[in-house]
Structure formats: C-alpha cells, structure tokens
Protein backbone atom coordinates (compact mmCIF):
# COMPACT_ATOMS: atom_id res chain seq x y z
CA MET A 1 95.51 73.11 112.07
CA LEU A 2 96.30 70.27 112.43
CA PRO A 3 95.10 69.71 116.34
CA ILE A 4 91.82 71.07 115.16
CA LEU A 5 91.65 68.06 112.50
CA SER A 6 92.58 65.70 115.02
CA CYS A 7 89.73 67.22 117.17
CA ARG A 8 87.23 67.02 115.02
CA MET A 9 88.04 63.57 113.99
CA THR A 10 87.31 62.10 117.25
CA GLY A 11 84.13 63.10 117.02
CA ALA A 12 82.75 61.74 114.08
CA SER A 13 83.34 57.86 115.32
CA ALA A 14 79.76 57.05 113.22
CA PRO A 15 81.02 58.74 109.47
CA TRP A 16 84.34 56.93 109.86
CA ALA A 17 82.60 53.88 110.70
CA THR A 18 80.42 54.49 106.99
CA MET A 19 83.61 55.25 105.29
CA LYS A 20 85.43 52.67 106.52
CA ASN A 21 85.39 50.26 103.98
CA ALA A 22 85.55 52.78 100.74
CA ILE A 23 89.47 54.06 102.22
CA ARG A 24 90.31 50.86 103.01
CA ASN A 25 93.36 51.35 101.00
CA LEU A 26 94.19 54.10 101.93
CA PRO A 27 97.27 54.78 104.97
CA VAL A 28 95.22 55.73 108.07
CA LEU A 29 97.01 58.65 108.32
CA LEU A 30 95.87 59.65 104.57
CA ALA A 31 92.23 58.83 105.61
CA GLY A 32 92.53 60.60 109.25
CA LEU A 33 93.70 64.31 107.34
CA VAL A 34 91.12 64.24 104.23
CA LEU A 35 88.38 63.18 106.41
CA GLY A 36 89.24 65.97 109.40
CA GLY A 37 89.43 68.22 106.88
CA LEU A 38 86.35 67.56 105.06
CA LEU A 39 84.82 67.11 108.08
CA SER A 40 86.26 70.64 109.04
CA LEU A 41 85.32 72.15 106.28
CA THR A 42 81.53 70.67 105.58
CA HIS A 43 80.39 71.88 109.04
CA GLY A 44 80.88 74.94 108.43
CA VAL A 45 78.82 73.82 105.35
CA SER A 46 76.10 72.25 107.24
CA ALA A 47 75.92 75.30 109.61
CA GLU A 48 75.17 77.57 107.10
CA LYS A 49 72.65 75.54 105.52
CA LYS A 50 70.94 75.01 109.41
CA GLU A 51 71.14 71.08 108.84
CA PRO A 52 71.56 69.21 112.20
CA ALA A 53 74.83 69.26 113.57
CA GLY A 54 77.79 67.08 112.63
CA ALA A 55 75.52 65.94 108.94
CA LEU A 56 77.55 64.88 106.10
CA PRO A 57 77.44 64.84 102.70
CA LEU A 58 78.31 60.93 102.62
CA GLU A 59 77.75 60.35 98.90
CA ASP A 60 80.57 63.65 98.56
CA LEU A 61 82.84 61.99 100.90
CA ARG A 62 82.15 58.30 98.95
CA ALA A 63 83.25 59.82 95.62
CA PHE A 64 86.24 61.77 97.19
CA SER A 65 87.56 59.01 98.67
CA GLU A 66 87.33 57.05 95.34
CA VAL A 67 89.11 58.90 93.13
CA LEU A 68 91.87 58.75 96.04
CA GLU A 69 91.97 55.16 95.60
CA LYS A 70 91.75 55.69 91.89
CA ILE A 71 95.05 57.95 91.56
CA LYS A 72 96.95 55.21 93.82
CA SER A 73 96.08 52.46 92.22
CA ASP A 74 95.82 53.99 88.35
CA TYR A 75 97.84 56.28 87.72
CA VAL A 76 99.92 56.57 84.99
CA GLU A 77 102.45 56.83 87.89
CA ALA A 78 103.24 55.88 91.48
CA VAL A 79 102.07 59.33 93.71
CA ASP A 80 102.75 59.41 97.22
CA ASP A 81 99.89 59.94 100.03
CA LYS A 82 102.59 63.12 101.29
CA THR A 83 101.84 64.68 97.50
CA LEU A 84 98.54 63.83 97.29
CA ILE A 85 97.20 65.15 100.63
CA ALA A 86 99.07 68.41 99.85
CA SER A 87 97.22 68.17 96.50
CA ALA A 88 93.91 68.04 97.59
CA ILE A 89 94.73 71.01 100.24
CA ARG A 90 95.66 73.25 97.79
CA GLY A 91 92.71 72.03 95.20
CA MET A 92 90.21 73.08 98.05
CA LEU A 93 91.99 76.41 98.42
CA THR A 94 91.93 77.45 94.94
CA GLY A 95 88.49 77.01 94.39
CA LEU A 96 87.64 79.45 96.92
CA ASP A 97 89.25 82.46 95.80
CA PRO A 98 92.29 83.56 93.76
CA HIS A 99 93.92 84.82 97.16
CA SER A 100 93.80 81.79 99.61
CA THR A 101 96.71 79.19 99.07
CA TYR A 102 98.61 76.72 100.87
CA LEU A 103 101.90 77.36 101.72
CA ASP A 104 104.92 74.67 102.10
CA PRO A 105 107.24 75.27 104.72
CA ASP A 106 109.27 76.88 102.18
CA GLU A 107 106.86 78.91 100.99
CA TYR A 108 105.91 80.08 104.12
CA LYS A 109 109.68 81.08 104.88
CA ASP A 110 109.78 83.18 101.61
CA LEU A 111 106.52 85.39 102.58
CA ARG A 112 108.41 85.80 106.00
CA VAL A 113 111.06 87.07 104.33
CA GLY A 114 109.23 89.36 101.56
CA THR A 115 107.37 91.14 104.73
CA THR A 116 111.03 92.65 105.39
CA GLY A 117 111.03 94.77 103.02
CA GLU A 118 114.57 92.73 101.30
CA PHE A 119 114.27 90.01 98.82
CA GLY A 120 115.01 88.36 95.92
CA GLY A 121 113.58 88.58 92.57
CA LEU A 122 112.41 91.07 89.99
CA GLY A 123 110.01 93.27 92.51
CA ILE A 124 106.55 92.82 90.84
CA GLU A 125 103.09 91.79 92.46
CA VAL A 126 101.36 88.74 91.01
CA SER A 127 98.37 87.15 90.80
CA MET A 128 96.20 84.52 88.55
CA GLU A 129 94.14 85.13 86.16
CA ASP A 130 92.89 82.75 83.49
CA GLY A 131 95.35 80.18 84.75
CA PHE A 132 98.47 83.24 83.64
CA VAL A 133 100.26 85.43 85.59
CA LYS A 134 98.83 88.89 85.91
CA VAL A 135 101.29 91.56 86.98
CA VAL A 136 99.31 94.07 89.96
CA THR A 137 101.80 96.76 89.72
CA PRO A 138 105.82 96.93 89.44
CA ILE A 139 107.19 97.90 92.68
CA ASP A 140 109.05 101.02 92.40
CA ASP A 141 113.25 100.87 91.32
CA THR A 142 113.16 97.27 91.27
CA PRO A 143 114.61 95.08 87.86
CA ALA A 144 110.88 94.63 86.70
CA ALA A 145 110.17 98.57 86.90
CA ARG A 146 113.19 99.52 84.68
CA ALA A 147 112.86 96.95 82.18
CA GLY A 148 109.28 98.30 81.18
CA VAL A 149 106.86 95.76 83.28
CA LYS A 150 103.48 97.12 83.49
CA ALA A 151 100.17 96.29 84.99
CA GLY A 152 98.00 94.77 83.64
CA ASP A 153 100.72 92.67 81.54
CA LEU A 154 99.72 88.79 81.80
CA ILE A 155 103.07 86.65 81.69
CA ILE A 156 102.67 83.91 79.53
CA ARG A 157 106.00 81.85 79.51
CA LEU A 158 108.82 81.98 82.37
CA ASP A 159 112.08 81.74 79.98
CA ASP A 160 110.84 78.51 77.61
CA THR A 161 108.63 77.26 80.05
CA PRO A 162 104.96 77.66 79.68
CA VAL A 163 103.00 79.08 83.12
CA LYS A 164 99.22 78.00 81.82
CA GLY A 165 98.74 75.02 84.46
CA MET A 166 101.37 76.27 87.49
CA THR A 167 99.51 77.27 90.78
CA LEU A 168 100.59 80.88 91.16
CA ASN A 169 103.83 80.27 93.89
CA GLU A 170 105.42 77.66 91.74
CA ALA A 171 105.44 81.29 89.02
CA VAL A 172 106.72 82.64 91.73
CA LYS A 173 109.57 80.13 92.56
CA LEU A 174 110.55 80.61 88.97
CA MET A 175 110.61 84.02 88.96
CA ARG A 176 113.03 84.31 91.88
CA GLY A 177 116.34 83.54 91.61
CA LYS A 178 120.26 83.95 92.65
CA PRO A 179 120.82 87.70 92.11
CA GLY A 180 122.82 88.52 88.98
CA THR A 181 121.02 86.28 87.29
CA THR A 182 118.36 86.33 84.50
CA ILE A 183 114.79 85.32 83.33
CA THR A 184 113.18 85.97 79.91
CA LEU A 185 109.06 86.72 80.17
CA THR A 186 106.54 86.42 77.73
CA ILE A 187 103.79 89.03 78.13
CA MET A 188 100.39 89.68 76.40
CA ARG A 189 100.03 93.66 76.83
CA GLU A 190 96.93 94.83 75.86
CA GLY A 191 96.91 97.15 72.41
CA LEU A 192 100.03 94.75 71.42
CA GLU A 193 98.99 92.04 68.71
CA GLN A 194 102.31 89.99 69.53
CA PRO A 195 103.57 88.56 72.06
CA LEU A 196 106.18 90.50 74.47
CA LYS A 197 110.02 89.45 75.82
CA ILE A 198 111.56 90.71 77.97
CA ALA A 199 114.62 89.79 79.93
CA ILE A 200 115.24 90.42 83.28
CA GLU A 201 118.21 90.68 85.47
CA ARG A 202 117.32 89.29 89.30
CA ASP A 203 118.57 91.31 91.85
CA VAL A 204 118.07 92.10 95.81
CA ILE A 205 114.60 94.16 96.06
CA LYS A 206 114.94 96.57 98.78
CA VAL A 207 111.88 98.55 98.59
CA LYS A 208 112.09 102.05 100.15
CA SER A 209 108.07 102.51 100.85
CA VAL A 210 108.10 106.20 100.88
CA LYS A 211 109.74 109.13 98.70
CA SER A 212 108.94 113.11 99.45
CA ARG A 213 110.00 115.95 97.61
CA LEU A 214 109.12 119.46 97.43
CA LEU A 215 107.27 120.22 93.73
CA GLU A 216 107.37 123.66 94.40
CA PRO A 217 107.54 125.92 97.63
CA GLY A 218 104.55 125.38 100.05
CA TYR A 219 103.04 122.06 97.54
CA GLY A 220 104.48 119.03 98.77
CA TYR A 221 104.97 115.32 96.94
CA VAL A 222 104.78 111.56 98.98
CA ARG A 223 104.88 108.79 97.46
CA ILE A 224 103.97 105.31 99.05
CA THR A 225 105.29 102.38 97.05
CA GLN A 226 104.34 99.60 99.38
CA PHE A 227 102.60 99.77 103.33
CA GLN A 228 105.03 98.36 105.58
CA SER A 229 104.99 98.71 109.21
CA PRO A 230 107.29 101.73 109.49
CA THR A 231 105.43 103.43 106.58
CA ASP A 232 104.05 105.80 108.50
CA ASP A 233 106.82 107.07 111.06
CA ASN A 234 108.68 107.14 107.65
CA LEU A 235 106.07 109.21 105.94
CA ARG A 236 106.09 111.70 109.28
CA GLU A 237 109.62 112.00 108.75
CA GLY A 238 109.23 113.13 104.84
CA ILE A 239 106.32 116.13 105.73
CA ASP A 240 108.15 117.20 108.21
CA GLN A 241 111.36 117.80 105.92
CA LEU A 242 109.02 119.13 103.49
CA LYS A 243 107.39 121.75 105.83
CA SER A 244 111.08 122.73 106.60
CA GLN A 245 112.00 123.27 103.32
CA SER A 246 108.93 125.40 102.77
CA GLY A 247 108.73 127.93 106.13
CA GLY A 248 107.37 125.60 108.52
CA GLU A 249 103.73 124.66 106.59
CA LEU A 250 102.55 122.97 103.36
CA LYS A 251 99.57 124.68 101.56
CA GLY A 252 99.43 121.05 99.97
CA MET A 253 100.65 117.72 99.01
CA VAL A 254 100.07 115.37 96.08
CA LEU A 255 99.81 112.10 98.05
CA ASP A 256 100.54 109.59 95.32
CA LEU A 257 99.45 105.79 95.52
CA ARG A 258 100.02 104.79 91.97
CA ASN A 259 100.82 100.77 91.33
CA ASN A 260 101.19 100.56 94.94
CA PRO A 261 100.17 96.67 95.62
CA GLY A 262 98.81 97.04 99.69
CA GLY A 263 100.73 95.29 102.43
CA VAL A 264 100.10 95.71 105.84
CA LEU A 265 97.25 96.84 106.97
CA ASN A 266 98.17 98.66 110.04
CA GLY A 267 100.59 100.72 107.86
CA ALA A 268 97.52 102.31 105.41
CA VAL A 269 95.32 102.98 108.76
CA ALA A 270 98.21 104.77 110.32
CA VAL A 271 99.02 106.77 106.98
CA ALA A 272 94.80 107.49 107.18
CA ASP A 273 95.07 108.38 110.64
CA ALA A 274 98.10 110.62 109.88
CA PHE A 275 95.32 113.19 107.87
CA LEU A 276 91.89 112.49 109.69
CA GLU A 277 90.90 114.48 113.02
CA LYS A 278 88.19 111.43 113.55
CA GLY A 279 85.70 108.74 112.37
CA VAL A 280 86.16 104.84 110.30
CA ILE A 281 89.25 104.61 108.77
CA VAL A 282 88.30 101.42 107.48
CA SER A 283 85.88 98.38 108.71
CA THR A 284 86.22 94.48 108.00
CA ARG A 285 83.87 91.61 108.09
CA GLY A 286 83.53 88.32 107.60
CA ARG A 287 81.58 85.32 109.55
CA GLY A 288 83.75 85.38 112.84
CA ASN A 289 83.70 87.56 115.92
CA GLU A 290 87.19 87.56 115.12
CA ALA A 291 86.70 89.05 111.45
CA GLU A 292 84.75 91.99 112.72
CA MET A 293 86.77 95.17 112.83
CA LYS A 294 86.95 98.88 112.94
CA PHE A 295 89.51 101.16 113.22
CA ASN A 296 89.02 105.13 114.07
CA ALA A 297 91.18 107.59 113.59
CA LYS A 298 92.61 109.84 116.25
CA PRO A 299 93.67 113.56 116.60
CA ALA A 300 95.69 115.46 114.68
CA ASP A 301 95.79 116.19 110.83
CA ILE A 302 99.24 116.30 110.40
CA LEU A 303 98.66 119.07 107.29
CA LYS A 304 96.09 120.49 109.62
CA GLY A 305 93.80 120.87 106.96
CA ALA A 306 96.17 121.71 103.66
CA PRO A 307 94.23 120.13 100.65
CA ILE A 308 95.37 116.68 99.46
CA VAL A 309 95.00 115.42 96.07
CA VAL A 310 95.68 111.21 95.82
CA LEU A 311 96.99 109.96 92.83
CA VAL A 312 95.54 105.98 91.90
CA ASN A 313 95.31 103.77 89.11
CA GLY A 314 94.63 100.13 87.70
CA GLY A 315 97.73 99.07 90.07
CA SER A 316 96.70 100.89 93.36
CA ALA A 317 95.28 98.18 94.96
CA SER A 318 94.53 96.34 98.88
CA ALA A 319 95.70 98.76 101.26
CA SER A 320 96.27 101.74 99.01
CA GLU A 321 92.72 101.23 98.42
CA ILE A 322 91.67 101.55 102.04
CA VAL A 323 93.72 104.82 102.06
CA ALA A 324 92.12 106.28 99.20
CA GLY A 325 88.74 105.29 100.26
CA ALA A 326 88.97 106.66 103.52
CA LEU A 327 90.46 110.09 102.88
CA GLN A 328 87.77 110.14 99.61
CA ASP A 329 84.65 109.40 101.78
CA HIS A 330 85.68 111.95 104.69
CA ARG A 331 86.05 114.53 101.72
CA ARG A 332 90.00 115.23 102.84
CA ALA A 333 91.23 114.80 99.24
CA VAL A 334 90.15 114.28 95.98
CA VAL A 335 91.11 110.98 94.53
CA LEU A 336 92.38 111.87 90.90
CA GLY A 337 93.20 109.43 88.04
CA SER A 338 91.90 105.85 87.31
CA LYS A 339 89.80 103.01 88.32
CA THR A 340 91.82 100.90 91.25
CA PHE A 341 92.48 97.34 91.17
CA GLY A 342 89.39 96.17 93.16
CA LYS A 343 91.07 93.99 96.01
CA GLY A 344 89.21 94.53 99.05
CA SER A 345 89.57 91.09 100.83
CA VAL A 346 91.61 90.22 104.05
CA GLN A 347 93.90 87.33 104.02
CA THR A 348 95.25 85.74 107.50
CA ILE A 349 98.27 83.27 107.67
CA LEU A 350 97.35 80.51 109.59
CA PRO A 351 100.50 78.81 110.95
CA MET A 352 100.05 74.69 110.48
CA ASP A 353 101.86 72.28 113.33
CA ASN A 354 104.08 70.93 110.06
CA GLY A 355 106.11 74.63 109.50
CA ALA A 356 103.36 75.33 106.68
CA ALA A 357 100.43 78.35 106.51
CA LEU A 358 97.16 78.48 105.08
CA LYS A 359 96.35 82.26 103.31
CA LEU A 360 92.84 82.08 104.13
CA THR A 361 90.61 85.19 102.93
CA THR A 362 88.84 85.63 106.03
CA ALA A 363 86.90 88.99 105.50
CA ARG A 364 85.95 92.16 102.93
CA TYR A 365 87.48 95.69 103.55
CA TYR A 366 84.78 98.28 103.70
CA THR A 367 85.03 102.10 103.31
CA PRO A 368 84.05 104.67 105.85
CA SER A 369 80.66 105.03 104.14
CA GLY A 370 80.22 101.01 103.96
CA ARG A 371 81.49 100.78 100.24
CA SER A 372 82.61 97.27 99.75
CA ILE A 373 86.10 97.67 98.12
CA GLN A 374 86.07 93.95 96.52
CA ALA A 375 85.77 93.51 92.98
CA GLU A 376 84.76 97.48 92.32
CA GLY A 377 88.00 99.32 93.50
CA ILE A 378 87.79 103.28 94.49
CA THR A 379 86.53 105.37 91.18
CA PRO A 380 88.05 108.91 91.33
CA ASP A 381 86.60 111.76 92.12
CA ILE A 382 88.52 112.56 88.59
CA ALA A 383 89.14 110.83 86.48
CA LEU A 384 92.24 111.10 84.31
CA GLU A 385 93.53 108.50 81.37
CA ALA A 386 96.75 108.50 80.53
CA LEU A 387 98.10 111.47 78.40
CA LYS A 388 101.08 111.97 76.60
CA PHE A 389 102.37 116.21 77.22
CA GLU A 390 103.90 117.87 73.79
CA LYS A 391 104.35 121.38 74.08
CA VAL A 392 102.82 123.03 70.85
CA ASP A 393 104.46 125.88 69.29
CA GLU A 394 101.85 129.02 69.56
CA GLY A 395 103.08 130.71 66.48
CA VAL A 396 102.13 134.41 66.16
CA GLU A 397 100.75 135.53 69.56
CA ALA A 398 96.94 136.79 69.34
CA LEU A 399 96.27 140.76 69.60
CA LYS A 400 94.60 141.85 72.33
CA GLU A 401 92.63 144.86 73.41
CA SER A 402 96.50 146.12 74.79
CA ASP A 403 97.83 146.30 71.57
CA LEU A 404 95.36 148.57 69.81
CA SER A 405 96.03 152.31 68.94
CA ARG A 406 94.18 154.44 71.41
CA HIS A 407 92.82 151.75 73.33
CA LEU A 408 91.01 153.09 76.32
CA SER A 409 92.34 152.42 79.85
CA ASN A 410 90.29 150.86 82.26
CA GLY A 411 89.58 154.00 84.84
CA THR A 412 91.60 152.92 87.91
CA ALA A 413 95.57 153.65 88.75
CA PRO A 414 98.37 151.36 87.55
CA LYS A 415 98.39 148.40 89.40
CA PRO A 416 102.41 147.87 90.14
CA ALA A 417 104.30 145.00 88.60
CA LYS A 418 103.70 141.24 89.61
CA LYS A 419 106.59 139.08 90.10
CA PRO A 420 106.43 136.72 87.57
CA GLU A 421 105.68 133.17 88.45
CA GLY A 422 108.76 131.28 89.24
CA LYS A 423 111.14 134.53 89.95
CA ASP A 424 114.28 133.69 92.33
CA GLU A 425 114.72 136.60 94.20
CA LYS A 426 118.26 135.78 94.70
CA ASP A 427 119.23 135.73 91.87
CA GLY A 428 116.97 137.59 89.59
CA LYS A 429 115.63 135.69 87.15
CA ASP A 430 112.43 136.19 85.16
CA GLY A 431 109.66 133.68 85.82
CA LYS A 432 111.21 130.91 82.77
CA ASP A 433 113.14 128.42 85.16
CA GLY A 434 109.60 128.58 87.11
CA LYS A 435 108.07 127.37 83.35
CA GLU A 436 110.33 125.58 82.32
CA LYS A 437 110.23 123.33 85.45
CA GLN A 438 106.11 122.85 85.38
CA GLY A 439 107.11 122.41 81.40
CA HIS A 440 109.13 119.30 82.61
CA LEU A 441 106.92 118.14 85.35
CA ALA A 442 104.12 117.51 82.61
CA ARG A 443 106.35 115.86 80.56
CA GLU A 444 107.71 114.09 82.95
CA ASP A 445 104.70 112.98 84.72
CA TYR A 446 101.28 114.31 83.73
CA PRO A 447 99.37 112.84 86.70
CA VAL A 448 101.51 114.85 89.08
CA TYR A 449 101.50 118.07 87.47
CA ALA A 450 97.71 117.82 86.87
CA ALA A 451 97.33 117.15 90.74
CA LEU A 452 99.64 120.59 91.54
CA THR A 453 97.68 122.47 89.27
CA LEU A 454 94.39 121.52 91.34
CA LEU A 455 95.85 122.28 94.64
CA LYS A 456 96.57 125.58 93.45
CA GLY A 457 92.99 125.65 92.16
CA LEU A 458 91.72 124.63 96.16
CA ASN A 459 93.79 126.75 97.83
CA ILE A 460 92.53 130.12 95.00
CA LEU A 461 89.18 128.99 96.15
CA LYS A 462 90.15 128.64 100.58
CA ASN A 463 91.73 131.75 100.07
CA PRO A 464 90.56 134.16 97.33
CA GLN A 465 92.34 136.94 99.14
CA ASP A 466 96.24 135.21 97.98
C-alpha cells in the first residue's frame, strides 16, 4: 500500500502547500504518510459524493495534524513517530467495522501460520463486541472446547489483565503462548449472574476440518469444523467411506456446521458444489469490479439427490453460512437448528511493503436468492432450541383394542412378523440394541437425533412403498 500512498502524494502539491505550516513540527516522513493515507481515504469519499476530483476536507486535515502536534508536544510521555503512524492506521480501520484491522509484521505472520490448520493457542474463534472479546465459537477438540468455553461468551479478563481497552490483536496475542502454559479466562455468560473463571492449558491446535461416521446403515453424518483448502477432498473421501459401509449408497446425510466459524471461501464453495447440480452458490458485491464475483455449481451431486439435513446454530458463521444458505435456497437441504451468526462480509488481505498487511472488508456475501447474510444470518427451516433429553418412565403400558377379550379381527390375512428395528441378523438379537443406540444418540446430541429422524421421514415420503 505504501507505493500507492506515495503516488497519491506526488499528485497533491497544492493541498501539501496549504498544509505545510500546520504540520511544520512533524517529520517529513510522518507528514507524507499521514497525508498520503488521508488523500487515499478522502479520494474515495469525494468520489461517492461526486465532488471535484482531488477535493479535500482541509479543515479536517488541519484538525488531524493539530492533534498529532499536540500529542507530540504535550502528551505525558514522548511518543515516537512509528507508534503514532501505526495508531492512526489502526484508528482508521477500527472505525470502519469489527473485521477490518491493521496487522503488523508479527500479526501478519501469525495469520499466515493460522491458515495452515496447525497453530498454538486455545482454539477459539473470537471477535470484538462493546470493547470485550466475544467467542464466536470454540473449535472442536481444542483446549477451549474441552474446558467448556461456549459460543457467545464474553471474555472480560485474561489472567489478571482487563480486556476493556485492548484491540482484538492484543487480546489474541495474550491468549496465544507456549503449549503447556495456562491462562485463566474470566467470562460473562448469558444466564449466569456472576463471572465464570475457566483455566485453560495452551496446546498446539491441529484442526481436522472433516469428521464422518455412520449413524445407522444408510444414514451418514459429516461434521465440518472449519473450511480449509483440502476440506472438499476430505469431505468426498469421508462420504465415499460412508457409502462403502452402507453397501454403495446413502439414503440421507446430516451435515453438521454448528460452531463452524468459517474459513477459506473456495473451500465452502466446493462443499456446496458437491451437493448441487447447477445454479449460483454465492455472489459477492462491493464497490470495485474486483469485489463483484459469482460462483456457480457444476454437475454432479455426490449424493445423487439423497436428502440432506444441515445443522446450524449461533456459532455457524461466514463460510458455513454460505453453504447453509446455498443448499437452503436451492431446496437441496433442510436447515435445522437456530439462527446463524450473521457474518456476511468479505475480508481481503492486502500485504504492505513493510511486511505488515491490511485486513480490509471489501464486499458482502449474498445467497443464490439474493439475500445478504450480513447481520441477518441464515434462519433455519425448522427451529430447534437447545434441549436436554431424558428418558421418562412410561409406567404401565396403555390398553389397546387388541388386548380386549373377544376383539374383532381386522378381516385380512395375518401379516408375517416384521423384523424389529435395529435387529442384527448375524447375532439374532432383537431390536433392543438399535433402540438403545437411538436413545444414546438422543441423549448425547439431540439435534443429530432430530436430524436423523427427519431424514427417515423424508425418505418415507420419497419412497412410500419402503
């Protein structure tokens, strides 16, 4: 970005002359960078307002330079130019939206390391809200998830350090650390009157983006914890294994995107494409032509039309909302759960010559039907609140007509006894094991149980003769 700023400076000799006296006490480098940044910023604003090219808000520039002068001369401690420049840049970006930020060289390096799928820390996706760090979602099989951190938690202290007043990057730096060391998070959680303290031991975070298993013969379960570049390949491998375990094909599949914070856009597009034959998957719209993109599906559907239930919740964000929205709009899946997080903005990483980078919001995501995900999220087709499942003692079995003495027959030939659900032909057991497995699933993860039940219902409607 610095070459761009320098380019804009060379074409602004008149404004520079006007401002020369106002910033006479600042180093030339500081003045050049600050004015260059402001020229770049105000150029875009003036274009929107259709003002003459190069028009500058001179009064605002004077006020800005005056503030810089007063800080350098009157602040209680001396502040070097480099710090002032970085603070000015951070301030500009912080005032835009919660996701635009300035990454110094170390932070930019951490970001690149984090996208590889292996990094050190606690294992939580976070954002800023009202000056506190908000947990978007804990990542599966990480120290934070095992310690009981939940989506929606507000972190107010890191050890003994208050979070209020920190930038998000500063808070993330404190949470990261050497594996094996411990940090205590003080958390405010909805429904609790007092703050909750959770001690977490840092570890090397290895994110496995796709997990799969068979719920019952013919019914698969695939969980995507985060979208990475190889997620599509891992998804297809997992589904192929489930097909093999079910005799070649699946009757239906649960796609679990709960607490999925997002990730790589191309990974999300590829996952949605795996289940769609044609049509738009997602589009992006922004100010420039480069921000206008549209991603279309290609044949063929890996499940050949078998029903899908997508599980979502408030921790499903960004790329996971793209997948849920695409499958919902194309009527390819039933979305089950609670409303998603609503992060429908695109961040572009813009490297800088000094080794730093800008993470800048450049566009919004739109579902195939044209819905904006931003601040709205995906509303599930079937709402399912958090429930606790417990088996109730049924007591004495209710009396039926067939139990009455001298009851009439139904006038048809007796049907052969139907094999109880869950019976294992190899060991000759009755359906008790199958029912126990279903009961265990319901208690362990009720939304998955509800999704499986819905898949069976969809198959009955699709194949009434079965």
